[in-house]
């Protein structure tokens, strides 16, 4: 999982401003800075571009994309509005038992991950992967191609995709509590979908953006870069 660590460290350099907006990302320079070979850097750069942190420049180069944490939060709110439409559609139609079973299995995995007082990086990445599967199940189950396309466009804004570990200014010891809040929301969303309550399902999914203000460091001063996924 060395590539995961390299990706995390590059994210931190970008969000902390050590890699300035518009700066070219050279494999050799980044590799030397991180004390790794060029191969893992080369492997993660396309993924960071897909997350929206980097943008193509020239024929084969990349540069740091210009964005603000406030932009990421506004885009997260929009993501949750769109995903709220997906949750509404599923609840109104009546979910397939297989969908509820799949969602519950994903939530069980998430519950096991966050049942700790402190999470290491690999566990945070595992939660992010679980989170992506949860949201993907809901978006796909809505069976709305246009809605899915709009949602995935919003995912390209930095730190908006549910599978991306979002850098924050919160203390490390607060991360489990933030994830637990998000996980409780997940459970409530599935309960509403299963009960066939479209208004409630949509409202809960829209409200799922609320913890993002804290995790993106918009409440209070920003400190050391931390990571969490919603």
C-alpha atoms as a PDB file:
ATOM      1  CA  UNK A   1       0.000   0.000   0.000  1.00  0.00           C
ATOM      2  CA  UNK A   2       3.013   2.301  -0.447  1.00  0.00           C
ATOM      3  CA  UNK A   3       1.218   4.153  -3.259  1.00  0.00           C
ATOM      4  CA  UNK A   4      -1.542   5.086  -0.780  1.00  0.00           C
ATOM      5  CA  UNK A   5       0.970   6.733   1.537  1.00  0.00           C
ATOM      6  CA  UNK A   6       2.556   8.607  -1.390  1.00  0.00           C
ATOM      7  CA  UNK A   7      -0.857   9.858  -2.532  1.00  0.00           C
ATOM      8  CA  UNK A   8      -1.704  11.038   0.996  1.00  0.00           C
ATOM      9  CA  UNK A   9       1.574  12.897   1.322  1.00  0.00           C
ATOM     10  CA  UNK A  10       1.113  14.652  -2.025  1.00  0.00           C
ATOM     11  CA  UNK A  11      -2.449  15.634  -1.024  1.00  0.00           C
ATOM     12  CA  UNK A  12      -1.035  17.168   2.150  1.00  0.00           C
ATOM     13  CA  UNK A  13       1.568  19.138   0.188  1.00  0.00           C
ATOM     14  CA  UNK A  14      -1.188  20.534  -2.043  1.00  0.00           C
ATOM     15  CA  UNK A  15      -3.710  21.442   0.654  1.00  0.00           C
ATOM     16  CA  UNK A  16      -1.086  22.909   2.979  1.00  0.00           C
ATOM     17  CA  UNK A  17       0.100  25.150   0.152  1.00  0.00           C
ATOM     18  CA  UNK A  18       3.597  23.689   0.015  1.00  0.00           C
ATOM     19  CA  UNK A  19       2.767  22.853  -3.596  1.00  0.00           C
ATOM     20  CA  UNK A  20       1.249  26.127  -4.764  1.00  0.00           C
ATOM     21  CA  UNK A  21      -1.703  26.428  -7.171  1.00  0.00           C
ATOM     22  CA  UNK A  22      -0.441  26.340 -10.738  1.00  0.00           C
ATOM     23  CA  UNK A  23       2.873  24.717  -9.760  1.00  0.00           C
ATOM     24  CA  UNK A  24       4.086  21.991 -12.103  1.00  0.00           C
ATOM     25  CA  UNK A  25       4.251  18.550 -10.512  1.00  0.00           C
ATOM     26  CA  UNK A  26       7.497  16.952 -11.618  1.00  0.00           C
ATOM     27  CA  UNK A  27       7.909  13.261 -10.793  1.00  0.00           C
ATOM     28  CA  UNK A  28      11.604  13.540 -10.000  1.00  0.00           C
ATOM     29  CA  UNK A  29      11.203  16.586  -7.745  1.00  0.00           C
ATOM     30  CA  UNK A  30       8.288  15.102  -5.794  1.00  0.00           C
ATOM     31  CA  UNK A  31      10.019  11.735  -5.469  1.00  0.00           C
ATOM     32  CA  UNK A  32      13.139  13.391  -4.059  1.00  0.00           C
ATOM     33  CA  UNK A  33      11.059  15.493  -1.682  1.00  0.00           C
ATOM     34  CA  UNK A  34       9.205  12.432  -0.347  1.00  0.00           C
ATOM     35  CA  UNK A  35      12.272  10.197  -0.289  1.00  0.00           C
ATOM     36  CA  UNK A  36      10.761   7.615  -2.650  1.00  0.00           C
ATOM     37  CA  UNK A  37      11.425   6.374  -6.156  1.00  0.00           C
ATOM     38  CA  UNK A  38       9.721   7.949  -9.157  1.00  0.00           C
ATOM     39  CA  UNK A  39       7.552   4.894  -9.821  1.00  0.00           C
ATOM     40  CA  UNK A  40       4.990   5.341  -6.987  1.00  0.00           C
ATOM     41  CA  UNK A  41       4.777   9.060  -7.761  1.00  0.00           C
ATOM     42  CA  UNK A  42       4.170   8.304 -11.428  1.00  0.00           C
ATOM     43  CA  UNK A  43       1.497   5.759 -10.464  1.00  0.00           C
ATOM     44  CA  UNK A  44      -0.536   8.094  -8.222  1.00  0.00           C
ATOM     45  CA  UNK A  45      -0.437  11.280 -10.314  1.00  0.00           C
ATOM     46  CA  UNK A  46      -3.268  10.206 -12.673  1.00  0.00           C
ATOM     47  CA  UNK A  47      -5.413   9.286  -9.654  1.00  0.00           C
ATOM     48  CA  UNK A  48      -4.796  12.691  -8.065  1.00  0.00           C
ATOM     49  CA  UNK A  49      -5.769  14.300 -11.372  1.00  0.00           C
ATOM     50  CA  UNK A  50      -8.987  12.262 -11.374  1.00  0.00           C
ATOM     51  CA  UNK A  51      -9.693  13.569  -7.855  1.00  0.00           C
ATOM     52  CA  UNK A  52      -9.404  17.102  -9.203  1.00  0.00           C
ATOM     53  CA  UNK A  53      -6.250  18.059  -7.314  1.00  0.00           C
ATOM     54  CA  UNK A  54      -4.114  18.179 -10.459  1.00  0.00           C
ATOM     55  CA  UNK A  55      -4.849  19.318 -13.997  1.00  0.00           C
ATOM     56  CA  UNK A  56      -3.108  18.404 -17.259  1.00  0.00           C
ATOM     57  CA  UNK A  57      -0.664  20.950 -18.683  1.00  0.00           C
ATOM     58  CA  UNK A  58       1.353  20.578 -21.844  1.00  0.00           C
ATOM     59  CA  UNK A  59       1.607  17.213 -23.549  1.00  0.00           C
ATOM     60  CA  UNK A  60       2.157  14.928 -20.553  1.00  0.00           C
ATOM     61  CA  UNK A  61       2.547  17.183 -17.545  1.00  0.00           C
ATOM     62  CA  UNK A  62       0.382  18.104 -14.564  1.00  0.00           C
ATOM     63  CA  UNK A  63       0.024  21.168 -12.372  1.00  0.00           C
ATOM     64  CA  UNK A  64      -1.710  21.841  -9.048  1.00  0.00           C
ATOM     65  CA  UNK A  65      -5.301  22.869  -9.635  1.00  0.00           C
ATOM     66  CA  UNK A  66      -6.515  26.160  -8.186  1.00  0.00           C
ATOM     67  CA  UNK A  67      -9.357  25.648  -5.710  1.00  0.00           C
ATOM     68  CA  UNK A  68     -10.495  26.739  -2.271  1.00  0.00           C
ATOM     69  CA  UNK A  69     -11.720  24.667   0.664  1.00  0.00           C
ATOM     70  CA  UNK A  70     -14.903  26.758   0.538  1.00  0.00           C
ATOM     71  CA  UNK A  71     -15.411  25.637  -3.081  1.00  0.00           C
ATOM     72  CA  UNK A  72     -15.057  22.034  -1.949  1.00  0.00           C
ATOM     73  CA  UNK A  73     -17.681  22.497   0.756  1.00  0.00           C
ATOM     74  CA  UNK A  74     -20.162  24.138  -1.616  1.00  0.00           C
ATOM     75  CA  UNK A  75     -19.632  21.324  -4.092  1.00  0.00           C
ATOM     76  CA  UNK A  76     -20.132  18.783  -1.292  1.00  0.00           C
ATOM     77  CA  UNK A  77     -23.469  20.417  -0.501  1.00  0.00           C
ATOM     78  CA  UNK A  78     -24.438  20.147  -4.174  1.00  0.00           C
ATOM     79  CA  UNK A  79     -23.313  16.512  -4.234  1.00  0.00           C
ATOM     80  CA  UNK A  80     -25.586  15.715  -1.306  1.00  0.00           C
ATOM     81  CA  UNK A  81     -28.529  17.504  -2.936  1.00  0.00           C
ATOM     82  CA  UNK A  82     -28.085  15.381  -6.062  1.00  0.00           C
ATOM     83  CA  UNK A  83     -27.575  12.196  -4.074  1.00  0.00           C
ATOM     84  CA  UNK A  84     -30.700  13.139  -2.130  1.00  0.00           C
ATOM     85  CA  UNK A  85     -32.606  12.864  -5.393  1.00  0.00           C
ATOM     86  CA  UNK A  86     -31.168   9.379  -5.849  1.00  0.00           C
ATOM     87  CA  UNK A  87     -32.205   8.325  -2.339  1.00  0.00           C
ATOM     88  CA  UNK A  88     -35.694   9.760  -2.917  1.00  0.00           C
ATOM     89  CA  UNK A  89     -36.124   7.859  -6.170  1.00  0.00           C
ATOM     90  CA  UNK A  90     -35.155   4.545  -4.591  1.00  0.00           C
ATOM     91  CA  UNK A  91     -37.411   5.026  -1.557  1.00  0.00           C
ATOM     92  CA  UNK A  92     -40.359   6.137  -3.702  1.00  0.00           C
ATOM     93  CA  UNK A  93     -40.016   3.160  -6.008  1.00  0.00           C
ATOM     94  CA  UNK A  94     -39.355   0.694  -3.232  1.00  0.00           C
ATOM     95  CA  UNK A  95     -35.851  -0.751  -2.844  1.00  0.00           C
ATOM     96  CA  UNK A  96     -34.921  -4.236  -3.931  1.00  0.00           C
ATOM     97  CA  UNK A  97     -34.095  -6.496  -0.961  1.00  0.00           C
ATOM     98  CA  UNK A  98     -30.686  -7.174  -2.520  1.00  0.00           C
ATOM     99  CA  UNK A  99     -29.876  -3.441  -2.387  1.00  0.00           C
ATOM    100  CA  UNK A 100     -30.751  -3.157   1.300  1.00  0.00           C
ATOM    101  CA  UNK A 101     -28.708  -6.272   2.011  1.00  0.00           C
ATOM    102  CA  UNK A 102     -25.718  -4.809   0.167  1.00  0.00           C
ATOM    103  CA  UNK A 103     -26.038  -1.450   1.945  1.00  0.00           C
ATOM    104  CA  UNK A 104     -26.277  -3.125   5.362  1.00  0.00           C
ATOM    105  CA  UNK A 105     -23.167  -5.197   4.618  1.00  0.00           C
ATOM    106  CA  UNK A 106     -21.227  -2.071   3.704  1.00  0.00           C
ATOM    107  CA  UNK A 107     -22.434  -0.325   6.868  1.00  0.00           C
ATOM    108  CA  UNK A 108     -21.358  -3.300   8.997  1.00  0.00           C
ATOM    109  CA  UNK A 109     -17.884  -2.929   7.510  1.00  0.00           C
ATOM    110  CA  UNK A 110     -17.871   0.783   8.311  1.00  0.00           C
ATOM    111  CA  UNK A 111     -19.075   0.193  11.858  1.00  0.00           C
ATOM    112  CA  UNK A 112     -16.188  -2.196  12.458  1.00  0.00           C
ATOM    113  CA  UNK A 113     -13.663   0.319  11.143  1.00  0.00           C
ATOM    114  CA  UNK A 114     -14.749   3.237  13.322  1.00  0.00           C
ATOM    115  CA  UNK A 115     -15.223   1.232  16.529  1.00  0.00           C
ATOM    116  CA  UNK A 116     -11.874   2.546  17.715  1.00  0.00           C
ATOM    117  CA  UNK A 117     -10.806   5.625  19.645  1.00  0.00           C
ATOM    118  CA  UNK A 118      -8.098   6.468  17.129  1.00  0.00           C
ATOM    119  CA  UNK A 119      -7.767   5.534  13.471  1.00  0.00           C
ATOM    120  CA  UNK A 120      -4.510   4.980  11.631  1.00  0.00           C
ATOM    121  CA  UNK A 121      -4.094   6.038   8.012  1.00  0.00           C
ATOM    122  CA  UNK A 122      -4.852   2.617   6.540  1.00  0.00           C
ATOM    123  CA  UNK A 123      -8.115   2.469   8.492  1.00  0.00           C
ATOM    124  CA  UNK A 124      -9.082   5.918   7.252  1.00  0.00           C
ATOM    125  CA  UNK A 125      -8.429   4.747   3.692  1.00  0.00           C
ATOM    126  CA  UNK A 126     -10.515   1.625   4.352  1.00  0.00           C
ATOM    127  CA  UNK A 127     -13.370   3.808   5.585  1.00  0.00           C
ATOM    128  CA  UNK A 128     -13.081   5.985   2.472  1.00  0.00           C
ATOM    129  CA  UNK A 129     -13.320   2.895   0.256  1.00  0.00           C
ATOM    130  CA  UNK A 130     -16.365   1.712   2.208  1.00  0.00           C
ATOM    131  CA  UNK A 131     -17.908   5.161   1.918  1.00  0.00           C
ATOM    132  CA  UNK A 132     -17.444   5.149  -1.850  1.00  0.00           C
ATOM    133  CA  UNK A 133     -19.185   1.789  -2.144  1.00  0.00           C
ATOM    134  CA  UNK A 134     -22.090   3.038  -0.020  1.00  0.00           C
ATOM    135  CA  UNK A 135     -22.699   6.126  -2.137  1.00  0.00           C
ATOM    136  CA  UNK A 136     -22.135   4.256  -5.395  1.00  0.00           C
ATOM    137  CA  UNK A 137     -24.782   1.688  -4.448  1.00  0.00           C
ATOM    138  CA  UNK A 138     -27.326   4.464  -3.928  1.00  0.00           C
ATOM    139  CA  UNK A 139     -26.441   6.408  -7.074  1.00  0.00           C
ATOM    140  CA  UNK A 140     -26.494   3.293  -9.239  1.00  0.00           C
ATOM    141  CA  UNK A 141     -29.764   2.014  -7.732  1.00  0.00           C
ATOM    142  CA  UNK A 142     -31.547   5.237  -8.722  1.00  0.00           C
ATOM    143  CA  UNK A 143     -31.248   4.064 -12.355  1.00  0.00           C
ATOM    144  CA  UNK A 144     -31.035   7.644 -13.621  1.00  0.00           C
ATOM    145  CA  UNK A 145     -28.211   8.137 -16.128  1.00  0.00           C
ATOM    146  CA  UNK A 146     -28.445  11.945 -16.195  1.00  0.00           C
ATOM    147  CA  UNK A 147     -28.434  12.201 -12.399  1.00  0.00           C
ATOM    148  CA  UNK A 148     -25.454   9.862 -12.181  1.00  0.00           C
ATOM    149  CA  UNK A 149     -23.559  11.943 -14.762  1.00  0.00           C
ATOM    150  CA  UNK A 150     -24.188  15.169 -12.833  1.00  0.00           C
ATOM    151  CA  UNK A 151     -23.104  13.570  -9.563  1.00  0.00           C
ATOM    152  CA  UNK A 152     -19.862  12.294 -11.066  1.00  0.00           C
ATOM    153  CA  UNK A 153     -19.121  15.739 -12.478  1.00  0.00           C
ATOM    154  CA  UNK A 154     -19.364  17.177  -8.972  1.00  0.00           C
ATOM    155  CA  UNK A 155     -17.056  14.405  -7.735  1.00  0.00           C
ATOM    156  CA  UNK A 156     -14.247  15.987  -9.795  1.00  0.00           C
ATOM    157  CA  UNK A 157     -14.067  18.968  -7.432  1.00  0.00           C
ATOM    158  CA  UNK A 158     -11.209  18.357  -4.961  1.00  0.00           C
ATOM    159  CA  UNK A 159     -12.216  16.393  -1.838  1.00  0.00           C
ATOM    160  CA  UNK A 160     -15.862  16.018  -2.907  1.00  0.00           C
ATOM    161  CA  UNK A 161     -15.894  12.403  -4.060  1.00  0.00           C
ATOM    162  CA  UNK A 162     -17.019  10.136  -1.176  1.00  0.00           C
ATOM    163  CA  UNK A 163     -14.048   7.874  -1.875  1.00  0.00           C
ATOM    164  CA  UNK A 164     -11.479  10.616  -1.418  1.00  0.00           C
ATOM    165  CA  UNK A 165      -9.725  11.183   1.889  1.00  0.00           C
ATOM    166  CA  UNK A 166     -10.371  14.857   2.593  1.00  0.00           C
ATOM    167  CA  UNK A 167      -7.680  16.936   4.273  1.00  0.00           C
ATOM    168  CA  UNK A 168      -8.832  18.912   7.258  1.00  0.00           C
ATOM    169  CA  UNK A 169      -7.649  21.030  10.126  1.00  0.00           C
ATOM    170  CA  UNK A 170      -9.274  18.981  12.898  1.00  0.00           C
ATOM    171  CA  UNK A 171      -7.209  17.206  15.568  1.00  0.00           C
ATOM    172  CA  UNK A 172      -6.564  13.518  14.955  1.00  0.00           C
ATOM    173  CA  UNK A 173      -8.430  12.506  18.092  1.00  0.00           C
ATOM    174  CA  UNK A 174     -11.627  14.094  16.731  1.00  0.00           C
ATOM    175  CA  UNK A 175     -11.650  12.083  13.498  1.00  0.00           C
ATOM    176  CA  UNK A 176     -13.445   8.991  14.926  1.00  0.00           C
ATOM    177  CA  UNK A 177     -16.278  11.160  16.280  1.00  0.00           C
ATOM    178  CA  UNK A 178     -16.714  12.876  12.911  1.00  0.00           C
ATOM    179  CA  UNK A 179     -16.798   9.537  11.110  1.00  0.00           C
ATOM    180  CA  UNK A 180     -19.264   8.176  13.643  1.00  0.00           C
ATOM    181  CA  UNK A 181     -21.587  11.098  12.913  1.00  0.00           C
ATOM    182  CA  UNK A 182     -21.404  10.384   9.201  1.00  0.00           C
ATOM    183  CA  UNK A 183     -21.932   6.682   9.811  1.00  0.00           C
ATOM    184  CA  UNK A 184     -25.047   7.329  11.915  1.00  0.00           C
ATOM    185  CA  UNK A 185     -26.367   9.373   9.012  1.00  0.00           C
ATOM    186  CA  UNK A 186     -25.662   6.451   6.683  1.00  0.00           C
ATOM    187  CA  UNK A 187     -27.732   4.144   8.863  1.00  0.00           C
ATOM    188  CA  UNK A 188     -30.601   6.636   9.018  1.00  0.00           C
ATOM    189  CA  UNK A 189     -30.562   7.051   5.228  1.00  0.00           C
ATOM    190  CA  UNK A 190     -30.793   3.296   4.686  1.00  0.00           C
ATOM    191  CA  UNK A 191     -33.578   3.023   7.281  1.00  0.00           C
ATOM    192  CA  UNK A 192     -35.585   5.682   5.425  1.00  0.00           C
ATOM    193  CA  UNK A 193     -35.003   4.051   2.047  1.00  0.00           C
ATOM    194  CA  UNK A 194     -35.993   0.635   3.367  1.00  0.00           C
ATOM    195  CA  UNK A 195     -39.131   2.072   4.989  1.00  0.00           C
ATOM    196  CA  UNK A 196     -40.163   3.683   1.696  1.00  0.00           C
ATOM    197  CA  UNK A 197     -39.966   7.255   3.034  1.00  0.00           C
ATOM    198  CA  UNK A 198     -38.755   9.385   0.087  1.00  0.00           C
ATOM    199  CA  UNK A 199     -39.050  12.774   1.811  1.00  0.00           C
ATOM    200  CA  UNK A 200     -37.051  11.611   4.802  1.00  0.00           C
ATOM    201  CA  UNK A 201     -34.463   9.790   2.696  1.00  0.00           C
ATOM    202  CA  UNK A 202     -33.857  12.911   0.621  1.00  0.00           C
ATOM    203  CA  UNK A 203     -33.681  15.195   3.666  1.00  0.00           C
ATOM    204  CA  UNK A 204     -31.194  12.946   5.440  1.00  0.00           C
ATOM    205  CA  UNK A 205     -28.958  12.684   2.387  1.00  0.00           C
ATOM    206  CA  UNK A 206     -29.006  16.462   1.925  1.00  0.00           C
ATOM    207  CA  UNK A 207     -28.047  16.889   5.573  1.00  0.00           C
ATOM    208  CA  UNK A 208     -25.112  14.561   5.060  1.00  0.00           C
ATOM    209  CA  UNK A 209     -23.034  17.571   3.944  1.00  0.00           C
ATOM    210  CA  UNK A 210     -23.123  19.120   7.425  1.00  0.00           C
ATOM    211  CA  UNK A 211     -20.070  17.296   8.872  1.00  0.00           C
ATOM    212  CA  UNK A 212     -18.077  18.408   5.832  1.00  0.00           C
ATOM    213  CA  UNK A 213     -17.834  21.962   7.195  1.00  0.00           C
ATOM    214  CA  UNK A 214     -15.941  20.611  10.190  1.00  0.00           C
ATOM    215  CA  UNK A 215     -13.854  18.057   8.324  1.00  0.00           C
ATOM    216  CA  UNK A 216     -12.766  20.619   5.745  1.00  0.00           C
ATOM    217  CA  UNK A 217     -11.515  22.900   8.502  1.00  0.00           C
ATOM    218  CA  UNK A 218     -14.154  25.622   8.004  1.00  0.00           C
ATOM    219  CA  UNK A 219     -15.165  25.696  11.675  1.00  0.00           C
ATOM    220  CA  UNK A 220     -12.431  27.321  13.715  1.00  0.00           C
ATOM    221  CA  UNK A 221      -8.728  27.715  12.887  1.00  0.00           C
ATOM    222  CA  UNK A 222      -7.013  25.277  10.577  1.00  0.00           C
ATOM    223  CA  UNK A 223      -4.092  23.391  11.956  1.00  0.00           C
ATOM    224  CA  UNK A 224      -2.155  20.344  10.917  1.00  0.00           C
ATOM    225  CA  UNK A 225      -3.577  18.606   7.868  1.00  0.00           C
ATOM    226  CA  UNK A 226      -5.657  15.583   8.835  1.00  0.00           C
ATOM    227  CA  UNK A 227      -7.760  13.249   6.744  1.00  0.00           C
ATOM    228  CA  UNK A 228     -11.310  11.926   6.816  1.00  0.00           C
ATOM    229  CA  UNK A 229     -13.947  10.857   4.300  1.00  0.00           C
ATOM    230  CA  UNK A 230     -17.679  11.530   4.238  1.00  0.00           C
END
